[in-house]
Amino acid sequence: MRKLFISILIGGGLLLCAQAPDPEPTKVLFNRGVREEQRGRLDSAKLFFVTLVRTYDESSYVSQAKAEIGAIAVYQEAQAKQAAGDLRAAFDTYQTLVLGYRESALAAAASKQMRLIDPEGKWTRR
């Protein structure tokens, strides 16, 4: 009976060791932030990125998180200009985001907003 008990304990321990480890917490925070951006929940996304930057300042994701925080700020500025009716300024701000933050999840959303503001492409700089 004792040998059976020890065998079960060893087998259980081996199973626990064989399970995949949890992903790196900074990767989880970054991916959740990106997911929130894609859903349009910019304040929530910013919270994930700021948490990553402040908590894991040595992480390889810090520079990307800082870039996303910047992209969120630019996107929100463009939204405010658009809501105020200053479409040209909003267009230029969205364009700044698209050109300056190409890797951001918000770049595609900014491009879409640019097409909505200027469907004929009159303001597009070449």
Protein backbone atom coordinates (compact mmCIF):
# COMPACT_ATOMS: atom_id res chain seq x y z
CA MET A 1 0.00 0.00 0.00
CA ARG A 2 2.82 2.37 0.85
CA LYS A 3 4.52 1.74 -2.53
CA LEU A 4 1.24 2.49 -4.33
CA PHE A 5 0.87 5.77 -2.43
CA ILE A 6 4.44 6.82 -3.27
CA SER A 7 3.92 5.85 -6.94
CA ILE A 8 0.79 7.99 -7.10
CA LEU A 9 2.61 10.96 -5.56
CA ILE A 10 5.52 10.64 -7.98
CA GLY A 11 3.16 10.23 -10.95
CA GLY A 12 1.18 13.30 -9.90
CA GLY A 13 4.37 15.31 -9.50
CA LEU A 14 5.53 14.31 -12.96
CA LEU A 15 2.20 15.35 -14.44
CA LEU A 16 2.44 18.76 -12.79
CA CYS A 17 5.96 19.23 -14.11
CA ALA A 18 4.93 18.20 -17.62
CA GLN A 19 2.25 20.90 -17.91
CA ALA A 20 3.10 23.96 -19.96
CA PRO A 21 4.27 26.89 -17.85
CA ASP A 22 2.21 30.05 -17.62
CA PRO A 23 3.12 32.61 -20.25
CA GLU A 24 5.34 35.49 -19.23
CA PRO A 25 3.21 38.04 -17.31
CA THR A 26 4.46 40.92 -19.46
CA LYS A 27 3.38 39.10 -22.60
CA VAL A 28 -0.07 38.52 -21.07
CA LEU A 29 -0.40 42.20 -20.11
CA PHE A 30 0.73 43.36 -23.55
CA ASN A 31 -1.59 41.00 -25.42
CA ARG A 32 -4.54 41.98 -23.25
CA GLY A 33 -3.78 45.64 -23.92
CA VAL A 34 -3.72 45.02 -27.66
CA ARG A 35 -6.98 43.08 -27.45
CA GLU A 36 -8.62 45.96 -25.60
CA GLU A 37 -7.34 48.40 -28.25
CA GLN A 38 -8.85 46.29 -31.00
CA ARG A 39 -12.17 46.34 -29.16
CA GLY A 40 -12.06 50.12 -28.87
CA ARG A 41 -11.59 50.08 -25.09
CA LEU A 42 -8.70 52.52 -25.10
CA ASP A 43 -8.73 53.45 -21.41
CA SER A 44 -8.64 49.79 -20.43
CA ALA A 45 -5.86 49.11 -22.95
CA LYS A 46 -3.85 52.01 -21.60
CA LEU A 47 -4.21 50.62 -18.08
CA PHE A 48 -2.69 47.28 -19.17
CA PHE A 49 0.21 49.03 -20.90
CA VAL A 50 0.90 51.42 -18.01
CA THR A 51 0.81 48.51 -15.56
CA LEU A 52 3.33 46.64 -17.69
CA VAL A 53 5.68 49.64 -17.90
CA ARG A 54 5.51 50.50 -14.20
CA THR A 55 5.68 46.94 -12.87
CA TYR A 56 8.12 45.26 -15.27
CA ASP A 57 10.51 48.03 -16.28
CA GLU A 58 13.16 45.51 -17.41
CA SER A 59 10.84 43.62 -19.79
CA SER A 60 11.40 43.42 -23.52
CA TYR A 61 7.75 44.51 -23.94
CA VAL A 62 8.27 47.91 -22.27
CA SER A 63 9.23 49.79 -25.44
CA GLN A 64 6.24 48.34 -27.31
CA ALA A 65 3.91 49.18 -24.43
CA LYS A 66 5.21 52.77 -24.35
CA ALA A 67 4.61 53.05 -28.09
CA GLU A 68 1.04 51.81 -27.65
CA ILE A 69 0.46 54.36 -24.89
CA GLY A 70 1.62 57.06 -27.31
CA ALA A 71 -0.59 55.71 -30.08
CA ILE A 72 -3.60 55.75 -27.75
CA ALA A 73 -2.92 59.39 -26.86
CA VAL A 74 -2.69 60.38 -30.54
CA TYR A 75 -5.83 58.41 -31.42
CA GLN A 76 -7.82 60.01 -28.59
CA GLU A 77 -6.61 63.45 -29.68
CA ALA A 78 -7.82 62.75 -33.22
CA GLN A 79 -11.17 61.55 -31.90
CA ALA A 80 -11.58 64.76 -29.89
CA LYS A 81 -10.81 66.90 -32.95
CA GLN A 82 -13.26 64.87 -35.02
CA ALA A 83 -15.97 65.22 -32.37
CA ALA A 84 -15.37 68.99 -32.28
CA GLY A 85 -15.95 69.14 -36.04
CA ASP A 86 -12.36 69.96 -37.00
CA LEU A 87 -12.14 67.26 -39.63
CA ARG A 88 -8.96 68.46 -41.29
CA ALA A 89 -7.08 68.49 -37.99
CA ALA A 90 -8.55 65.09 -37.09
CA PHE A 91 -7.46 63.69 -40.46
CA ASP A 92 -3.92 65.01 -39.97
CA THR A 93 -3.75 63.54 -36.47
CA TYR A 94 -4.97 60.14 -37.64
CA GLN A 95 -2.38 60.31 -40.40
CA THR A 96 0.31 61.05 -37.80
CA LEU A 97 -0.71 57.89 -35.99
CA VAL A 98 -0.65 55.79 -39.17
CA LEU A 99 2.80 57.06 -40.14
CA GLY A 100 4.35 57.21 -36.67
CA TYR A 101 2.91 54.08 -35.11
CA ARG A 102 2.74 51.60 -37.99
CA GLU A 103 3.03 48.59 -35.67
CA SER A 104 0.18 49.71 -33.43
CA ALA A 105 -3.15 47.95 -33.46
CA LEU A 106 -4.68 51.44 -33.76
CA ALA A 107 -3.03 52.18 -37.12
CA ALA A 108 -5.73 50.25 -38.99
CA ALA A 109 -8.50 52.00 -37.05
CA ALA A 110 -6.91 55.37 -37.81
CA SER A 111 -6.73 54.51 -41.52
CA LYS A 112 -10.40 53.63 -41.47
CA GLN A 113 -11.25 56.94 -39.84
CA MET A 114 -9.20 58.77 -42.47
CA ARG A 115 -11.24 57.10 -45.22
CA LEU A 116 -14.48 58.05 -43.47
CA ILE A 117 -13.42 61.69 -43.12
CA ASP A 118 -12.02 61.98 -46.64
CA PRO A 119 -13.62 59.27 -48.79
CA GLU A 120 -12.38 60.83 -52.05
CA GLY A 121 -8.79 61.04 -50.85
CA LYS A 122 -8.44 64.78 -51.41
CA TRP A 123 -6.40 65.31 -48.23
CA THR A 124 -4.11 62.35 -48.62
CA ARG A 125 -0.52 63.51 -48.88
CA ARG A 126 1.55 61.82 -51.51
